[in-house]
């Protein structure tokens, strides 16, 4: 799967949501709401930031895997992997949950 295809598909899926835009950091394409990352592309997968309880639910159902940075398991980040870029469109609800979650974090930090 080409990273560009995944970026294009996700970008078009999210482009009409206010304050959502894409950015780059190192080799990752990031998806941001305001200035906070709610998702990013990692290889052929997408990583989403969700509330701990929701992340655990997806992990328990084996619908996602946990993001591990070094030796640290990230409790609010899950990795979603599909064979074909178009399949990520079925996860639009999860992306919207991630946007809402990250937006709520921004509001409480202000």
PDB file of N, CA and C in Angstrom:
ATOM      1  N   UNK A   1       0.845  -1.165   0.000  1.00  0.00           N
ATOM      2  CA  UNK A   1       0.000   0.000   0.000  1.00  0.00           C
ATOM      3  C   UNK A   1       0.898   1.237   0.000  1.00  0.00           C
ATOM      4  N   UNK A   2       0.606   2.170  -0.838  1.00  0.00           N
ATOM      5  CA  UNK A   2       1.386   3.391  -0.898  1.00  0.00           C
ATOM      6  C   UNK A   2       0.881   4.365   0.156  1.00  0.00           C
ATOM      7  N   UNK A   3       1.824   4.977   0.876  1.00  0.00           N
ATOM      8  CA  UNK A   3       1.472   5.935   1.916  1.00  0.00           C
ATOM      9  C   UNK A   3       0.667   7.087   1.335  1.00  0.00           C
ATOM     10  N   UNK A   4       1.015   7.508   0.114  1.00  0.00           N
ATOM     11  CA  UNK A   4       0.299   8.611  -0.522  1.00  0.00           C
ATOM     12  C   UNK A   4      -1.173   8.270  -0.696  1.00  0.00           C
ATOM     13  N   UNK A   5      -1.471   7.050  -1.092  1.00  0.00           N
ATOM     14  CA  UNK A   5      -2.868   6.648  -1.265  1.00  0.00           C
ATOM     15  C   UNK A   5      -3.627   6.741   0.052  1.00  0.00           C
ATOM     16  N   UNK A   6      -3.028   6.279   1.114  1.00  0.00           N
ATOM     17  CA  UNK A   6      -3.666   6.316   2.425  1.00  0.00           C
ATOM     18  C   UNK A   6      -3.856   7.761   2.878  1.00  0.00           C
ATOM     19  N   UNK A   7      -2.862   8.596   2.675  1.00  0.00           N
ATOM     20  CA  UNK A   7      -2.973  10.014   3.020  1.00  0.00           C
ATOM     21  C   UNK A   7      -4.107  10.669   2.242  1.00  0.00           C
ATOM     22  N   UNK A   8      -4.206  10.366   0.958  1.00  0.00           N
ATOM     23  CA  UNK A   8      -5.251  10.945   0.110  1.00  0.00           C
ATOM     24  C   UNK A   8      -6.632  10.501   0.570  1.00  0.00           C
ATOM     25  N   UNK A   9      -6.786   9.213   0.831  1.00  0.00           N
ATOM     26  CA  UNK A   9      -8.087   8.677   1.253  1.00  0.00           C
ATOM     27  C   UNK A   9      -8.512   9.269   2.592  1.00  0.00           C
ATOM     28  N   UNK A  10      -7.603   9.292   3.557  1.00  0.00           N
ATOM     29  CA  UNK A  10      -7.950   9.837   4.870  1.00  0.00           C
ATOM     30  C   UNK A  10      -8.194  11.340   4.782  1.00  0.00           C
ATOM     31  N   UNK A  11      -7.371  12.021   4.000  1.00  0.00           N
ATOM     32  CA  UNK A  11      -7.549  13.463   3.827  1.00  0.00           C
ATOM     33  C   UNK A  11      -8.911  13.796   3.259  1.00  0.00           C
ATOM     34  N   UNK A  12      -9.345  13.048   2.256  1.00  0.00           N
ATOM     35  CA  UNK A  12     -10.650  13.328   1.651  1.00  0.00           C
ATOM     36  C   UNK A  12     -11.792  12.951   2.598  1.00  0.00           C
ATOM     37  N   UNK A  13     -11.582  11.937   3.432  1.00  0.00           N
ATOM     38  CA  UNK A  13     -12.607  11.523   4.385  1.00  0.00           C
ATOM     39  C   UNK A  13     -12.794  12.582   5.482  1.00  0.00           C
ATOM     40  N   UNK A  14     -11.713  13.290   5.825  1.00  0.00           N
ATOM     41  CA  UNK A  14     -11.740  14.205   6.963  1.00  0.00           C
ATOM     42  C   UNK A  14     -11.764  15.682   6.577  1.00  0.00           C
ATOM     43  N   UNK A  15     -11.652  15.981   5.286  1.00  0.00           N
ATOM     44  CA  UNK A  15     -11.457  17.363   4.847  1.00  0.00           C
ATOM     45  C   UNK A  15     -12.602  18.315   5.188  1.00  0.00           C
ATOM     46  N   UNK A  16     -13.809  17.829   5.346  1.00  0.00           N
ATOM     47  CA  UNK A  16     -14.946  18.712   5.621  1.00  0.00           C
ATOM     48  C   UNK A  16     -15.183  18.952   7.113  1.00  0.00           C
ATOM     49  N   UNK A  17     -14.347  18.380   7.962  1.00  0.00           N
ATOM     50  CA  UNK A  17     -14.517  18.552   9.406  1.00  0.00           C
ATOM     51  C   UNK A  17     -13.760  19.820   9.827  1.00  0.00           C
ATOM     52  N   UNK A  18     -14.459  20.767  10.465  1.00  0.00           N
ATOM     53  CA  UNK A  18     -13.815  22.030  10.848  1.00  0.00           C
ATOM     54  C   UNK A  18     -12.571  21.814  11.709  1.00  0.00           C
ATOM     55  N   UNK A  19     -11.556  22.612  11.458  1.00  0.00           N
ATOM     56  CA  UNK A  19     -10.283  22.649  12.187  1.00  0.00           C
ATOM     57  C   UNK A  19      -9.419  21.412  11.996  1.00  0.00           C
ATOM     58  N   UNK A  20      -9.802  20.492  11.105  1.00  0.00           N
ATOM     59  CA  UNK A  20      -8.975  19.307  10.851  1.00  0.00           C
ATOM     60  C   UNK A  20      -8.096  19.579   9.640  1.00  0.00           C
ATOM     61  N   UNK A  21      -6.810  19.267   9.790  1.00  0.00           N
ATOM     62  CA  UNK A  21      -5.876  19.425   8.682  1.00  0.00           C
ATOM     63  C   UNK A  21      -4.744  18.412   8.814  1.00  0.00           C
ATOM     64  N   UNK A  22      -3.949  18.287   7.759  1.00  0.00           N
ATOM     65  CA  UNK A  22      -2.827  17.356   7.780  1.00  0.00           C
ATOM     66  C   UNK A  22      -1.536  18.126   8.002  1.00  0.00           C
ATOM     67  N   UNK A  23      -0.555  17.410   8.489  1.00  0.00           N
ATOM     68  CA  UNK A  23       0.766  17.974   8.703  1.00  0.00           C
ATOM     69  C   UNK A  23       1.793  16.871   8.561  1.00  0.00           C
ATOM     70  N   UNK A  24       3.045  17.246   8.603  1.00  0.00           N
ATOM     71  CA  UNK A  24       4.145  16.282   8.508  1.00  0.00           C
ATOM     72  C   UNK A  24       5.032  16.429   9.734  1.00  0.00           C
ATOM     73  N   UNK A  25       5.498  15.302  10.239  1.00  0.00           N
ATOM     74  CA  UNK A  25       6.492  15.292  11.309  1.00  0.00           C
ATOM     75  C   UNK A  25       7.399  14.101  11.065  1.00  0.00           C
ATOM     76  N   UNK A  26       8.659  14.367  10.861  1.00  0.00           N
ATOM     77  CA  UNK A  26       9.620  13.332  10.476  1.00  0.00           C
ATOM     78  C   UNK A  26       9.077  12.598   9.248  1.00  0.00           C
ATOM     79  N   UNK A  27       8.865  11.304   9.340  1.00  0.00           N
ATOM     80  CA  UNK A  27       8.375  10.540   8.185  1.00  0.00           C
ATOM     81  C   UNK A  27       6.885  10.232   8.277  1.00  0.00           C
ATOM     82  N   UNK A  28       6.184  10.878   9.197  1.00  0.00           N
ATOM     83  CA  UNK A  28       4.775  10.586   9.407  1.00  0.00           C
ATOM     84  C   UNK A  28       3.881  11.689   8.843  1.00  0.00           C
ATOM     85  N   UNK A  29       2.755  11.282   8.281  1.00  0.00           N
ATOM     86  CA  UNK A  29       1.694  12.225   7.974  1.00  0.00           C
ATOM     87  C   UNK A  29       0.792  12.250   9.195  1.00  0.00           C
ATOM     88  N   UNK A  30       0.594  13.438   9.746  1.00  0.00           N
ATOM     89  CA  UNK A  30      -0.237  13.612  10.928  1.00  0.00           C
ATOM     90  C   UNK A  30      -1.576  14.220  10.543  1.00  0.00           C
ATOM     91  N   UNK A  31      -2.586  13.894  11.309  1.00  0.00           N
ATOM     92  CA  UNK A  31      -3.897  14.506  11.161  1.00  0.00           C
ATOM     93  C   UNK A  31      -4.164  15.237  12.476  1.00  0.00           C
ATOM     94  N   UNK A  32      -4.443  16.533  12.354  1.00  0.00           N
ATOM     95  CA  UNK A  32      -4.564  17.382  13.520  1.00  0.00           C
ATOM     96  C   UNK A  32      -5.928  18.046  13.594  1.00  0.00           C
ATOM     97  N   UNK A  33      -6.351  18.307  14.815  1.00  0.00           N
ATOM     98  CA  UNK A  33      -7.504  19.157  15.068  1.00  0.00           C
ATOM     99  C   UNK A  33      -6.917  20.326  15.856  1.00  0.00           C
ATOM    100  N   UNK A  34      -7.031  21.511  15.288  1.00  0.00           N
ATOM    101  CA  UNK A  34      -6.309  22.642  15.853  1.00  0.00           C
ATOM    102  C   UNK A  34      -4.824  22.372  15.692  1.00  0.00           C
ATOM    103  N   UNK A  35      -4.100  22.361  16.807  1.00  0.00           N
ATOM    104  CA  UNK A  35      -2.662  22.061  16.737  1.00  0.00           C
ATOM    105  C   UNK A  35      -2.300  20.746  17.417  1.00  0.00           C
ATOM    106  N   UNK A  36      -3.296  19.897  17.684  1.00  0.00           N
ATOM    107  CA  UNK A  36      -3.075  18.619  18.373  1.00  0.00           C
ATOM    108  C   UNK A  36      -3.295  17.433  17.442  1.00  0.00           C
ATOM    109  N   UNK A  37      -2.397  16.480  17.482  1.00  0.00           N
ATOM    110  CA  UNK A  37      -2.482  15.281  16.653  1.00  0.00           C
ATOM    111  C   UNK A  37      -3.536  14.332  17.221  1.00  0.00           C
ATOM    112  N   UNK A  38      -4.452  13.877  16.358  1.00  0.00           N
ATOM    113  CA  UNK A  38      -5.426  12.866  16.775  1.00  0.00           C
ATOM    114  C   UNK A  38      -5.197  11.556  16.041  1.00  0.00           C
ATOM    115  N   UNK A  39      -4.411  11.591  14.951  1.00  0.00           N
ATOM    116  CA  UNK A  39      -4.104  10.372  14.191  1.00  0.00           C
ATOM    117  C   UNK A  39      -2.846  10.611  13.381  1.00  0.00           C
ATOM    118  N   UNK A  40      -2.150   9.515  13.078  1.00  0.00           N
ATOM    119  CA  UNK A  40      -1.026   9.618  12.152  1.00  0.00           C
ATOM    120  C   UNK A  40      -0.830   8.280  11.452  1.00  0.00           C
ATOM    121  N   UNK A  41      -0.197   8.378  10.286  1.00  0.00           N
ATOM    122  CA  UNK A  41       0.090   7.183   9.498  1.00  0.00           C
ATOM    123  C   UNK A  41       1.441   6.655   9.939  1.00  0.00           C
ATOM    124  N   UNK A  42       1.478   5.359  10.219  1.00  0.00           N
ATOM    125  CA  UNK A  42       2.719   4.686  10.613  1.00  0.00           C
ATOM    126  C   UNK A  42       2.872   3.473   9.716  1.00  0.00           C
ATOM    127  N   UNK A  43       3.743   3.574   8.745  1.00  0.00           N
ATOM    128  CA  UNK A  43       3.894   2.492   7.785  1.00  0.00           C
ATOM    129  C   UNK A  43       2.616   2.330   6.993  1.00  0.00           C
ATOM    130  N   UNK A  44       2.012   1.164   7.078  1.00  0.00           N
ATOM    131  CA  UNK A  44       0.762   0.899   6.366  1.00  0.00           C
ATOM    132  C   UNK A  44      -0.439   0.913   7.310  1.00  0.00           C
ATOM    133  N   UNK A  45      -0.234   1.435   8.512  1.00  0.00           N
ATOM    134  CA  UNK A  45      -1.275   1.473   9.533  1.00  0.00           C
ATOM    135  C   UNK A  45      -1.609   2.912   9.896  1.00  0.00           C
ATOM    136  N   UNK A  46      -2.694   3.062  10.634  1.00  0.00           N
ATOM    137  CA  UNK A  46      -3.086   4.370  11.159  1.00  0.00           C
ATOM    138  C   UNK A  46      -3.144   4.261  12.675  1.00  0.00           C
ATOM    139  N   UNK A  47      -2.604   5.266  13.342  1.00  0.00           N
ATOM    140  CA  UNK A  47      -2.593   5.318  14.800  1.00  0.00           C
ATOM    141  C   UNK A  47      -3.578   6.407  15.223  1.00  0.00           C
ATOM    142  N   UNK A  48      -4.464   6.074  16.160  1.00  0.00           N
ATOM    143  CA  UNK A  48      -5.498   6.996  16.638  1.00  0.00           C
ATOM    144  C   UNK A  48      -5.386   7.203  18.139  1.00  0.00           C
ATOM    145  N   UNK A  49      -5.656   8.429  18.585  1.00  0.00           N
ATOM    146  CA  UNK A  49      -5.688   8.742  20.021  1.00  0.00           C
ATOM    147  C   UNK A  49      -7.141   8.717  20.478  1.00  0.00           C
ATOM    148  N   UNK A  50      -7.422   7.839  21.422  1.00  0.00           N
ATOM    149  CA  UNK A  50      -8.779   7.648  21.944  1.00  0.00           C
ATOM    150  C   UNK A  50      -8.735   7.587  23.474  1.00  0.00           C
ATOM    151  N   UNK A  51      -9.865   7.787  24.124  1.00  0.00           N
ATOM    152  CA  UNK A  51      -9.876   7.617  25.590  1.00  0.00           C
ATOM    153  C   UNK A  51      -9.399   6.210  25.975  1.00  0.00           C
ATOM    154  N   UNK A  52      -8.753   6.096  27.114  1.00  0.00           N
ATOM    155  CA  UNK A  52      -8.196   4.814  27.558  1.00  0.00           C
ATOM    156  C   UNK A  52      -9.222   3.682  27.510  1.00  0.00           C
ATOM    157  N   UNK A  53     -10.444   3.979  27.959  1.00  0.00           N
ATOM    158  CA  UNK A  53     -11.477   2.942  28.011  1.00  0.00           C
ATOM    159  C   UNK A  53     -11.837   2.446  26.603  1.00  0.00           C
ATOM    160  N   UNK A  54     -11.949   3.379  25.674  1.00  0.00           N
ATOM    161  CA  UNK A  54     -12.288   3.023  24.289  1.00  0.00           C
ATOM    162  C   UNK A  54     -11.134   2.252  23.653  1.00  0.00           C
ATOM    163  N   UNK A  55      -9.907   2.691  23.910  1.00  0.00           N
ATOM    164  CA  UNK A  55      -8.737   1.991  23.383  1.00  0.00           C
ATOM    165  C   UNK A  55      -8.712   0.558  23.903  1.00  0.00           C
ATOM    166  N   UNK A  56      -8.951   0.392  25.207  1.00  0.00           N
ATOM    167  CA  UNK A  56      -8.963  -0.953  25.798  1.00  0.00           C
ATOM    168  C   UNK A  56     -10.040  -1.825  25.165  1.00  0.00           C
ATOM    169  N   UNK A  57     -11.212  -1.235  24.920  1.00  0.00           N
ATOM    170  CA  UNK A  57     -12.300  -1.973  24.289  1.00  0.00           C
ATOM    171  C   UNK A  57     -11.881  -2.491  22.898  1.00  0.00           C
ATOM    172  N   UNK A  58     -11.253  -1.649  22.103  1.00  0.00           N
ATOM    173  CA  UNK A  58     -10.794  -2.062  20.770  1.00  0.00           C
ATOM    174  C   UNK A  58      -9.703  -3.134  20.856  1.00  0.00           C
ATOM    175  N   UNK A  59      -8.818  -2.997  21.846  1.00  0.00           N
ATOM    176  CA  UNK A  59      -7.757  -3.988  22.039  1.00  0.00           C
ATOM    177  C   UNK A  59      -8.356  -5.326  22.467  1.00  0.00           C
ATOM    178  N   UNK A  60      -9.307  -5.278  23.413  1.00  0.00           N
ATOM    179  CA  UNK A  60      -9.950  -6.504  23.902  1.00  0.00           C
ATOM    180  C   UNK A  60     -10.684  -7.243  22.780  1.00  0.00           C
ATOM    181  N   UNK A  61     -11.291  -6.475  21.862  1.00  0.00           N
ATOM    182  CA  UNK A  61     -12.021  -7.069  20.733  1.00  0.00           C
ATOM    183  C   UNK A  61     -11.100  -7.421  19.566  1.00  0.00           C
ATOM    184  N   UNK A  62      -9.800  -7.146  19.745  1.00  0.00           N
ATOM    185  CA  UNK A  62      -8.784  -7.402  18.711  1.00  0.00           C
ATOM    186  C   UNK A  62      -9.074  -6.643  17.411  1.00  0.00           C
ATOM    187  N   UNK A  63      -9.687  -5.450  17.565  1.00  0.00           N
ATOM    188  CA  UNK A  63      -9.946  -4.583  16.422  1.00  0.00           C
ATOM    189  C   UNK A  63      -8.812  -3.587  16.212  1.00  0.00           C
ATOM    190  N   UNK A  64      -7.848  -3.599  17.146  1.00  0.00           N
ATOM    191  CA  UNK A  64      -6.691  -2.713  17.073  1.00  0.00           C
ATOM    192  C   UNK A  64      -5.575  -3.338  17.886  1.00  0.00           C
ATOM    193  N   UNK A  65      -4.388  -2.803  17.699  1.00  0.00           N
ATOM    194  CA  UNK A  65      -3.257  -3.218  18.536  1.00  0.00           C
ATOM    195  C   UNK A  65      -2.739  -1.979  19.263  1.00  0.00           C
ATOM    196  N   UNK A  66      -1.964  -2.215  20.300  1.00  0.00           N
ATOM    197  CA  UNK A  66      -1.480  -1.113  21.116  1.00  0.00           C
ATOM    198  C   UNK A  66      -0.238  -0.494  20.491  1.00  0.00           C
ATOM    199  N   UNK A  67      -0.133   0.818  20.561  1.00  0.00           N
ATOM    200  CA  UNK A  67       1.058   1.512  20.098  1.00  0.00           C
ATOM    201  C   UNK A  67       2.121   1.394  21.182  1.00  0.00           C
ATOM    202  N   UNK A  68       3.294   0.935  20.800  1.00  0.00           N
ATOM    203  CA  UNK A  68       4.414   0.829  21.727  1.00  0.00           C
ATOM    204  C   UNK A  68       5.529   1.729  21.210  1.00  0.00           C
ATOM    205  N   UNK A  69       5.962   2.659  22.060  1.00  0.00           N
ATOM    206  CA  UNK A  69       7.049   3.576  21.732  1.00  0.00           C
ATOM    207  C   UNK A  69       8.231   3.193  22.618  1.00  0.00           C
ATOM    208  N   UNK A  70       9.250   2.636  22.011  1.00  0.00           N
ATOM    209  CA  UNK A  70      10.357   2.109  22.798  1.00  0.00           C
ATOM    210  C   UNK A  70       9.854   0.908  23.569  1.00  0.00           C
ATOM    211  N   UNK A  71       9.880   0.991  24.884  1.00  0.00           N
ATOM    212  CA  UNK A  71       9.344  -0.080  25.731  1.00  0.00           C
ATOM    213  C   UNK A  71       8.015   0.304  26.366  1.00  0.00           C
ATOM    214  N   UNK A  72       7.537   1.501  26.055  1.00  0.00           N
ATOM    215  CA  UNK A  72       6.338   2.027  26.705  1.00  0.00           C
ATOM    216  C   UNK A  72       5.088   1.791  25.860  1.00  0.00           C
ATOM    217  N   UNK A  73       4.098   1.129  26.444  1.00  0.00           N
ATOM    218  CA  UNK A  73       2.806   0.930  25.789  1.00  0.00           C
ATOM    219  C   UNK A  73       1.975   2.182  26.015  1.00  0.00           C
ATOM    220  N   UNK A  74       1.528   2.789  24.934  1.00  0.00           N
ATOM    221  CA  UNK A  74       0.765   4.029  25.001  1.00  0.00           C
ATOM    222  C   UNK A  74      -0.713   3.678  25.221  1.00  0.00           C
ATOM    223  N   UNK A  75      -1.273   4.096  26.336  1.00  0.00           N
ATOM    224  CA  UNK A  75      -2.617   3.669  26.734  1.00  0.00           C
ATOM    225  C   UNK A  75      -3.740   4.346  25.956  1.00  0.00           C
ATOM    226  N   UNK A  76      -3.472   5.512  25.387  1.00  0.00           N
ATOM    227  CA  UNK A  76      -4.523   6.228  24.654  1.00  0.00           C
ATOM    228  C   UNK A  76      -4.332   6.158  23.142  1.00  0.00           C
ATOM    229  N   UNK A  77      -3.387   5.388  22.684  1.00  0.00           N
ATOM    230  CA  UNK A  77      -3.108   5.290  21.245  1.00  0.00           C
ATOM    231  C   UNK A  77      -3.283   3.848  20.785  1.00  0.00           C
ATOM    232  N   UNK A  78      -4.041   3.661  19.701  1.00  0.00           N
ATOM    233  CA  UNK A  78      -4.224   2.334  19.129  1.00  0.00           C
ATOM    234  C   UNK A  78      -3.825   2.348  17.663  1.00  0.00           C
ATOM    235  N   UNK A  79      -3.430   1.185  17.175  1.00  0.00           N
ATOM    236  CA  UNK A  79      -3.005   1.026  15.793  1.00  0.00           C
ATOM    237  C   UNK A  79      -4.052   0.210  15.050  1.00  0.00           C
ATOM    238  N   UNK A  80      -4.564   0.779  13.962  1.00  0.00           N
ATOM    239  CA  UNK A  80      -5.542   0.111  13.104  1.00  0.00           C
ATOM    240  C   UNK A  80      -4.830  -0.252  11.806  1.00  0.00           C
ATOM    241  N   UNK A  81      -4.992  -1.494  11.372  1.00  0.00           N
ATOM    242  CA  UNK A  81      -4.339  -1.930  10.142  1.00  0.00           C
ATOM    243  C   UNK A  81      -5.340  -2.622   9.230  1.00  0.00           C
ATOM    244  N   UNK A  82      -5.360  -2.197   7.979  1.00  0.00           N
ATOM    245  CA  UNK A  82      -6.193  -2.812   6.947  1.00  0.00           C
ATOM    246  C   UNK A  82      -5.318  -3.159   5.750  1.00  0.00           C
ATOM    247  N   UNK A  83      -5.779  -4.081   4.941  1.00  0.00           N
ATOM    248  CA  UNK A  83      -5.050  -4.494   3.738  1.00  0.00           C
ATOM    249  C   UNK A  83      -5.052  -3.423   2.652  1.00  0.00           C
ATOM    250  N   UNK A  84      -6.183  -2.735   2.503  1.00  0.00           N
ATOM    251  CA  UNK A  84      -6.354  -1.780   1.412  1.00  0.00           C
ATOM    252  C   UNK A  84      -6.710  -0.411   1.984  1.00  0.00           C
ATOM    253  N   UNK A  85      -6.138   0.662   1.429  1.00  0.00           N
ATOM    254  CA  UNK A  85      -6.397   2.005   1.964  1.00  0.00           C
ATOM    255  C   UNK A  85      -7.878   2.349   2.069  1.00  0.00           C
ATOM    256  N   UNK A  86      -8.683   1.892   1.126  1.00  0.00           N
ATOM    257  CA  UNK A  86     -10.111   2.221   1.121  1.00  0.00           C
ATOM    258  C   UNK A  86     -10.828   1.671   2.359  1.00  0.00           C
ATOM    259  N   UNK A  87     -10.295   0.609   2.947  1.00  0.00           N
ATOM    260  CA  UNK A  87     -10.940  -0.021   4.100  1.00  0.00           C
ATOM    261  C   UNK A  87     -10.957   0.886   5.328  1.00  0.00           C
ATOM    262  N   UNK A  88     -10.077   1.893   5.374  1.00  0.00           N
ATOM    263  CA  UNK A  88     -10.057   2.811   6.511  1.00  0.00           C
ATOM    264  C   UNK A  88     -11.305   3.682   6.548  1.00  0.00           C
ATOM    265  N   UNK A  89     -12.015   3.791   5.425  1.00  0.00           N
ATOM    266  CA  UNK A  89     -13.246   4.571   5.404  1.00  0.00           C
ATOM    267  C   UNK A  89     -14.292   3.972   6.343  1.00  0.00           C
ATOM    268  N   UNK A  90     -14.221   2.663   6.588  1.00  0.00           N
ATOM    269  CA  UNK A  90     -15.161   2.030   7.515  1.00  0.00           C
ATOM    270  C   UNK A  90     -14.890   2.443   8.964  1.00  0.00           C
ATOM    271  N   UNK A  91     -13.750   3.083   9.209  1.00  0.00           N
ATOM    272  CA  UNK A  91     -13.381   3.527  10.557  1.00  0.00           C
ATOM    273  C   UNK A  91     -13.667   5.009  10.786  1.00  0.00           C
ATOM    274  N   UNK A  92     -14.474   5.611   9.921  1.00  0.00           N
ATOM    275  CA  UNK A  92     -14.747   7.048  10.037  1.00  0.00           C
ATOM    276  C   UNK A  92     -15.259   7.413  11.430  1.00  0.00           C
ATOM    277  N   UNK A  93     -16.098   6.570  12.016  1.00  0.00           N
ATOM    278  CA  UNK A  93     -16.622   6.828  13.360  1.00  0.00           C
ATOM    279  C   UNK A  93     -15.475   6.896  14.382  1.00  0.00           C
ATOM    280  N   UNK A  94     -14.488   6.011  14.264  1.00  0.00           N
ATOM    281  CA  UNK A  94     -13.340   6.039  15.175  1.00  0.00           C
ATOM    282  C   UNK A  94     -12.543   7.329  15.015  1.00  0.00           C
ATOM    283  N   UNK A  95     -12.362   7.763  13.763  1.00  0.00           N
ATOM    284  CA  UNK A  95     -11.647   9.015  13.526  1.00  0.00           C
ATOM    285  C   UNK A  95     -12.389  10.173  14.191  1.00  0.00           C
ATOM    286  N   UNK A  96     -13.702  10.183  14.068  1.00  0.00           N
ATOM    287  CA  UNK A  96     -14.497  11.252  14.679  1.00  0.00           C
ATOM    288  C   UNK A  96     -14.433  11.181  16.209  1.00  0.00           C
ATOM    289  N   UNK A  97     -14.371   9.967  16.759  1.00  0.00           N
ATOM    290  CA  UNK A  97     -14.191   9.816  18.204  1.00  0.00           C
ATOM    291  C   UNK A  97     -12.841  10.392  18.623  1.00  0.00           C
ATOM    292  N   UNK A  98     -11.807  10.124  17.837  1.00  0.00           N
ATOM    293  CA  UNK A  98     -10.470  10.637  18.139  1.00  0.00           C
ATOM    294  C   UNK A  98     -10.455  12.166  18.080  1.00  0.00           C
ATOM    295  N   UNK A  99     -11.118  12.726  17.080  1.00  0.00           N
ATOM    296  CA  UNK A  99     -11.197  14.187  16.953  1.00  0.00           C
ATOM    297  C   UNK A  99     -11.894  14.779  18.178  1.00  0.00           C
ATOM    298  N   UNK A 100     -13.017  14.210  18.562  1.00  0.00           N
ATOM    299  CA  UNK A 100     -13.772  14.708  19.722  1.00  0.00           C
ATOM    300  C   UNK A 100     -12.939  14.590  20.996  1.00  0.00           C
ATOM    301  N   UNK A 101     -12.233  13.477  21.153  1.00  0.00           N
ATOM    302  CA  UNK A 101     -11.420  13.267  22.347  1.00  0.00           C
ATOM    303  C   UNK A 101     -10.294  14.285  22.431  1.00  0.00           C
ATOM    304  N   UNK A 102      -9.559  14.438  21.344  1.00  0.00           N
ATOM    305  CA  UNK A 102      -8.435  15.375  21.346  1.00  0.00           C
ATOM    306  C   UNK A 102      -8.941  16.815  21.493  1.00  0.00           C
ATOM    307  N   UNK A 103     -10.064  17.125  20.890  1.00  0.00           N
ATOM    308  CA  UNK A 103     -10.652  18.461  21.046  1.00  0.00           C
ATOM    309  C   UNK A 103     -11.013  18.726  22.501  1.00  0.00           C
ATOM    310  N   UNK A 104     -11.532  17.726  23.196  1.00  0.00           N
ATOM    311  CA  UNK A 104     -11.904  17.908  24.595  1.00  0.00           C
ATOM    312  C   UNK A 104     -10.671  18.111  25.472  1.00  0.00           C
ATOM    313  N   UNK A 105      -9.571  17.490  25.124  1.00  0.00           N
ATOM    314  CA  UNK A 105      -8.329  17.670  25.854  1.00  0.00           C
ATOM    315  C   UNK A 105      -7.847  19.114  25.693  1.00  0.00           C
ATOM    316  N   UNK A 106      -7.940  19.629  24.487  1.00  0.00           N
ATOM    317  CA  UNK A 106      -7.533  21.013  24.217  1.00  0.00           C
ATOM    318  C   UNK A 106      -8.333  21.977  25.083  1.00  0.00           C
ATOM    319  N   UNK A 107      -9.631  21.746  25.169  1.00  0.00           N
ATOM    320  CA  UNK A 107     -10.498  22.662  25.911  1.00  0.00           C
ATOM    321  C   UNK A 107     -10.159  22.663  27.400  1.00  0.00           C
ATOM    322  N   UNK A 108      -9.841  21.504  27.953  1.00  0.00           N
ATOM    323  CA  UNK A 108      -9.554  21.441  29.379  1.00  0.00           C
ATOM    324  C   UNK A 108      -8.169  22.007  29.704  1.00  0.00           C
ATOM    325  N   UNK A 109      -7.287  22.071  28.710  1.00  0.00           N
ATOM    326  CA  UNK A 109      -5.939  22.583  28.945  1.00  0.00           C
ATOM    327  C   UNK A 109      -5.878  24.097  28.800  1.00  0.00           C
ATOM    328  N   UNK A 110      -6.898  24.722  28.275  1.00  0.00           N
ATOM    329  CA  UNK A 110      -6.870  26.172  28.055  1.00  0.00           C
ATOM    330  C   UNK A 110      -7.216  26.921  29.312  1.00  0.00           C
TER     331      UNK A 110
END
